[in-house]
Every structure is written in structure tokens, then in C-alpha cells.
Amino acid sequence: MKEKQIRIPGPDHPISIERNPARVVVSVAGHVVADTRNALTLREADYSPVQYIPREDVDLSQLERTDHATYCPYKGGCSYYSVPAG
């Protein structure tokens, strides 16, 4: 099995994480899936900012985990969920 590469952010690939002071509400098809004042904004290189929401602020009963998974050498493994209502 091939070992997964691990990289450290730096000047060539910067990553920053900041607390988002705003309320973040995620809704799909009229259903609130997440509502938080504790989101973190991740900025990575020249990609668009991404909001990370704590699990305790997500209604996980509205999500279904998929078989899809990815790996980033900077951030690690990622699992994906779908929203059946949407």
C-alpha cells in the first residue's frame, strides 16, 4: 500500500484558519441543516474560503454519509455527506 503524502503549509501553499464572527446558517429545500456562531473560515492558497461548522451545530439526522472520500496532503482525509431533502 502506498503511504499517503503529508505536506506542511508554507509560502508556496498558505493555509489560514480564523474564527468567523458571523452567524452561519445552511439550509436546503427550506430545511435548516446547520446553524452556528462557531464556524471557522479556512483559506487555502488561491481557493475560495470554506466554512467549517462544528458537528454539534449540524442536524446530522438530515444528512446521509456517502461512499465518497478524498485526501489532501495538507489537511488529511475528508468524508462527504448528501442531503436527501435537497
N, C-alpha and C. Protein backbone atom coordinates (compact mmCIF):
# COMPACT_ATOMS: atom_id res chain seq x y z
N MET A 1 0.85 -1.18 0.00
CA MET A 1 0.00 0.00 0.00
C MET A 1 0.89 1.23 0.00
N LYS A 2 0.56 2.19 -0.84
CA LYS A 2 1.34 3.42 -0.94
C LYS A 2 1.04 4.34 0.26
N GLU A 3 2.08 4.86 0.88
CA GLU A 3 1.92 5.76 2.01
C GLU A 3 1.42 7.12 1.52
N LYS A 4 0.48 7.70 2.25
CA LYS A 4 -0.07 8.99 1.86
C LYS A 4 0.93 10.10 2.17
N GLN A 5 1.06 11.01 1.22
CA GLN A 5 1.98 12.12 1.36
C GLN A 5 1.41 13.14 2.36
N ILE A 6 2.29 13.72 3.17
CA ILE A 6 1.92 14.76 4.12
C ILE A 6 2.76 15.99 3.80
N ARG A 7 2.09 17.13 3.66
CA ARG A 7 2.79 18.38 3.37
C ARG A 7 2.46 19.42 4.43
N ILE A 8 3.38 20.34 4.64
CA ILE A 8 3.22 21.43 5.59
C ILE A 8 2.93 22.72 4.81
N PRO A 9 1.88 23.46 5.19
CA PRO A 9 1.61 24.73 4.51
C PRO A 9 2.81 25.67 4.64
N GLY A 10 3.01 26.49 3.63
CA GLY A 10 4.12 27.45 3.62
C GLY A 10 3.84 28.54 2.62
N PRO A 11 4.86 29.34 2.30
CA PRO A 11 4.66 30.46 1.38
C PRO A 11 4.13 30.04 0.00
N ASP A 12 4.49 28.84 -0.44
CA ASP A 12 4.04 28.37 -1.76
C ASP A 12 2.61 27.81 -1.71
N HIS A 13 2.11 27.49 -0.52
CA HIS A 13 0.75 26.96 -0.34
C HIS A 13 0.26 27.34 1.06
N PRO A 14 -0.11 28.63 1.25
CA PRO A 14 -0.52 29.07 2.59
C PRO A 14 -1.91 28.57 2.97
N ILE A 15 -2.08 28.29 4.25
CA ILE A 15 -3.38 27.94 4.82
C ILE A 15 -3.55 28.74 6.10
N SER A 16 -4.71 29.39 6.23
CA SER A 16 -5.01 30.10 7.47
C SER A 16 -6.41 29.71 7.92
N ILE A 17 -6.60 29.72 9.24
CA ILE A 17 -7.90 29.39 9.82
C ILE A 17 -8.23 30.49 10.82
N GLU A 18 -9.43 31.07 10.68
CA GLU A 18 -9.87 32.13 11.58
C GLU A 18 -11.29 31.85 12.02
N ARG A 19 -11.62 32.29 13.22
CA ARG A 19 -13.00 32.21 13.69
C ARG A 19 -13.83 33.17 12.84
N ASN A 20 -14.99 32.70 12.39
CA ASN A 20 -15.93 33.55 11.66
C ASN A 20 -16.84 34.22 12.69
N PRO A 21 -16.81 35.54 12.80
CA PRO A 21 -17.63 36.20 13.82
C PRO A 21 -19.13 36.24 13.46
N ALA A 22 -19.48 35.93 12.23
CA ALA A 22 -20.88 35.99 11.79
C ALA A 22 -21.61 34.68 12.07
N ARG A 23 -22.91 34.77 12.12
CA ARG A 23 -23.75 33.57 12.20
C ARG A 23 -23.78 32.93 10.82
N VAL A 24 -23.65 31.61 10.76
CA VAL A 24 -23.71 30.87 9.51
C VAL A 24 -24.90 29.92 9.59
N VAL A 25 -25.81 30.06 8.63
CA VAL A 25 -26.97 29.17 8.55
C VAL A 25 -26.93 28.48 7.20
N VAL A 26 -27.05 27.16 7.22
CA VAL A 26 -27.08 26.37 5.99
C VAL A 26 -28.48 25.76 5.88
N SER A 27 -29.16 26.06 4.77
CA SER A 27 -30.49 25.48 4.57
C SER A 27 -30.57 24.88 3.17
N VAL A 28 -31.33 23.81 3.08
CA VAL A 28 -31.54 23.12 1.81
C VAL A 28 -33.02 22.81 1.70
N ALA A 29 -33.62 23.23 0.61
CA ALA A 29 -35.04 22.97 0.34
C ALA A 29 -35.92 23.41 1.53
N GLY A 30 -35.57 24.53 2.14
CA GLY A 30 -36.36 25.06 3.24
C GLY A 30 -36.07 24.45 4.59
N HIS A 31 -35.14 23.51 4.67
CA HIS A 31 -34.78 22.86 5.94
C HIS A 31 -33.44 23.40 6.42
N VAL A 32 -33.38 23.83 7.68
CA VAL A 32 -32.11 24.28 8.25
C VAL A 32 -31.29 23.05 8.62
N VAL A 33 -30.13 22.93 7.99
CA VAL A 33 -29.24 21.79 8.22
C VAL A 33 -28.19 22.14 9.27
N ALA A 34 -27.77 23.41 9.30
CA ALA A 34 -26.77 23.84 10.27
C ALA A 34 -27.02 25.30 10.63
N ASP A 35 -26.76 25.62 11.90
CA ASP A 35 -26.92 26.99 12.39
C ASP A 35 -25.87 27.19 13.47
N THR A 36 -24.92 28.09 13.23
CA THR A 36 -23.82 28.24 14.18
C THR A 36 -23.29 29.67 14.25
N ARG A 37 -22.70 29.99 15.36
CA ARG A 37 -21.90 31.20 15.54
C ARG A 37 -20.46 30.80 15.85
N ASN A 38 -20.14 29.54 15.58
CA ASN A 38 -18.81 28.99 15.88
C ASN A 38 -18.09 28.45 14.66
N ALA A 39 -18.43 28.94 13.49
CA ALA A 39 -17.79 28.46 12.25
C ALA A 39 -16.35 28.97 12.18
N LEU A 40 -15.52 28.20 11.52
CA LEU A 40 -14.15 28.60 11.23
C LEU A 40 -14.04 28.79 9.72
N THR A 41 -13.35 29.84 9.31
CA THR A 41 -13.11 30.09 7.89
C THR A 41 -11.70 29.64 7.55
N LEU A 42 -11.59 28.69 6.62
CA LEU A 42 -10.30 28.19 6.17
C LEU A 42 -10.00 28.82 4.81
N ARG A 43 -8.85 29.43 4.72
CA ARG A 43 -8.38 29.98 3.44
C ARG A 43 -7.15 29.20 3.06
N GLU A 44 -7.18 28.63 1.85
CA GLU A 44 -6.08 27.79 1.38
C GLU A 44 -5.64 28.27 0.00
N ALA A 45 -4.38 28.67 -0.07
CA ALA A 45 -3.77 29.12 -1.33
C ALA A 45 -4.73 30.08 -2.03
N ASP A 46 -5.01 29.85 -3.31
CA ASP A 46 -5.90 30.75 -4.04
C ASP A 46 -7.31 30.17 -4.21
N TYR A 47 -7.67 29.16 -3.39
CA TYR A 47 -9.03 28.61 -3.43
C TYR A 47 -9.99 29.54 -2.70
N SER A 48 -11.27 29.40 -3.00
CA SER A 48 -12.29 30.18 -2.29
C SER A 48 -12.31 29.76 -0.82
N PRO A 49 -12.63 30.70 0.10
CA PRO A 49 -12.72 30.34 1.52
C PRO A 49 -13.80 29.29 1.75
N VAL A 50 -13.59 28.46 2.76
CA VAL A 50 -14.50 27.38 3.11
C VAL A 50 -14.88 27.52 4.58
N GLN A 51 -16.17 27.29 4.89
CA GLN A 51 -16.63 27.34 6.27
C GLN A 51 -16.62 25.94 6.88
N TYR A 52 -16.00 25.81 8.04
CA TYR A 52 -16.03 24.57 8.80
C TYR A 52 -16.97 24.79 9.97
N ILE A 53 -17.99 23.94 10.08
CA ILE A 53 -19.04 24.08 11.09
C ILE A 53 -18.93 22.93 12.08
N PRO A 54 -18.93 23.22 13.39
CA PRO A 54 -18.85 22.14 14.38
C PRO A 54 -20.03 21.17 14.24
N ARG A 55 -19.75 19.89 14.40
CA ARG A 55 -20.81 18.87 14.28
C ARG A 55 -21.98 19.13 15.20
N GLU A 56 -21.72 19.65 16.41
CA GLU A 56 -22.82 19.89 17.35
C GLU A 56 -23.79 20.96 16.86
N ASP A 57 -23.42 21.71 15.84
CA ASP A 57 -24.30 22.73 15.28
C ASP A 57 -24.93 22.29 13.95
N VAL A 58 -24.83 21.01 13.65
CA VAL A 58 -25.38 20.44 12.42
C VAL A 58 -26.45 19.42 12.79
N ASP A 59 -27.57 19.45 12.09
CA ASP A 59 -28.62 18.44 12.28
C ASP A 59 -28.24 17.23 11.44
N LEU A 60 -27.47 16.34 12.03
CA LEU A 60 -26.95 15.17 11.29
C LEU A 60 -28.05 14.22 10.83
N SER A 61 -29.24 14.33 11.43
CA SER A 61 -30.35 13.45 11.01
C SER A 61 -30.81 13.79 9.59
N GLN A 62 -30.44 14.97 9.09
CA GLN A 62 -30.82 15.36 7.73
C GLN A 62 -29.76 15.00 6.69
N LEU A 63 -28.67 14.39 7.13
CA LEU A 63 -27.56 14.05 6.23
C LEU A 63 -27.40 12.55 6.09
N GLU A 64 -26.90 12.14 4.94
CA GLU A 64 -26.53 10.73 4.71
C GLU A 64 -25.07 10.70 4.27
N ARG A 65 -24.28 9.90 4.95
CA ARG A 65 -22.88 9.78 4.57
C ARG A 65 -22.79 9.03 3.24
N THR A 66 -21.93 9.52 2.37
CA THR A 66 -21.73 8.86 1.07
C THR A 66 -20.48 7.98 1.14
N ASP A 67 -20.24 7.24 0.08
CA ASP A 67 -19.03 6.42 -0.01
C ASP A 67 -17.83 7.25 -0.49
N HIS A 68 -18.10 8.48 -0.93
CA HIS A 68 -17.04 9.33 -1.48
C HIS A 68 -16.12 9.83 -0.38
N ALA A 69 -14.82 9.76 -0.61
CA ALA A 69 -13.82 10.26 0.32
C ALA A 69 -12.64 10.78 -0.49
N THR A 70 -11.98 11.80 0.03
CA THR A 70 -10.80 12.35 -0.62
C THR A 70 -9.69 12.52 0.41
N TYR A 71 -8.49 12.78 -0.08
CA TYR A 71 -7.35 13.01 0.79
C TYR A 71 -6.58 14.23 0.29
N CYS A 72 -6.27 15.13 1.20
CA CYS A 72 -5.45 16.30 0.89
C CYS A 72 -4.16 16.17 1.69
N PRO A 73 -3.00 16.29 1.05
CA PRO A 73 -1.75 16.15 1.79
C PRO A 73 -1.54 17.25 2.83
N TYR A 74 -2.31 18.34 2.76
CA TYR A 74 -2.20 19.43 3.74
C TYR A 74 -3.19 19.29 4.89
N LYS A 75 -4.39 18.76 4.61
CA LYS A 75 -5.44 18.74 5.62
C LYS A 75 -5.86 17.34 6.05
N GLY A 76 -5.50 16.32 5.30
CA GLY A 76 -5.85 14.96 5.67
C GLY A 76 -7.08 14.45 4.94
N GLY A 77 -7.71 13.43 5.54
CA GLY A 77 -8.85 12.77 4.92
C GLY A 77 -10.15 13.56 5.08
N CYS A 78 -11.05 13.35 4.13
CA CYS A 78 -12.34 14.04 4.14
C CYS A 78 -13.43 13.07 3.72
N SER A 79 -14.50 13.04 4.49
CA SER A 79 -15.70 12.26 4.16
C SER A 79 -16.77 13.21 3.66
N TYR A 80 -17.71 12.70 2.87
CA TYR A 80 -18.75 13.54 2.27
C TYR A 80 -20.13 13.05 2.66
N TYR A 81 -21.06 14.01 2.73
CA TYR A 81 -22.44 13.72 3.07
C TYR A 81 -23.35 14.30 2.00
N SER A 82 -24.53 13.71 1.84
CA SER A 82 -25.53 14.27 0.94
C SER A 82 -26.73 14.70 1.80
N VAL A 83 -27.59 15.52 1.19
CA VAL A 83 -28.79 15.99 1.86
C VAL A 83 -29.98 15.45 1.07
N PRO A 84 -30.60 14.35 1.50
CA PRO A 84 -31.69 13.75 0.75
C PRO A 84 -32.84 14.72 0.48
N ALA A 85 -33.09 15.67 1.39
CA ALA A 85 -34.19 16.62 1.21
C ALA A 85 -33.93 17.58 0.06
N GLY A 86 -32.67 17.73 -0.35
CA GLY A 86 -32.34 18.70 -1.38
C GLY A 86 -32.05 18.06 -2.69
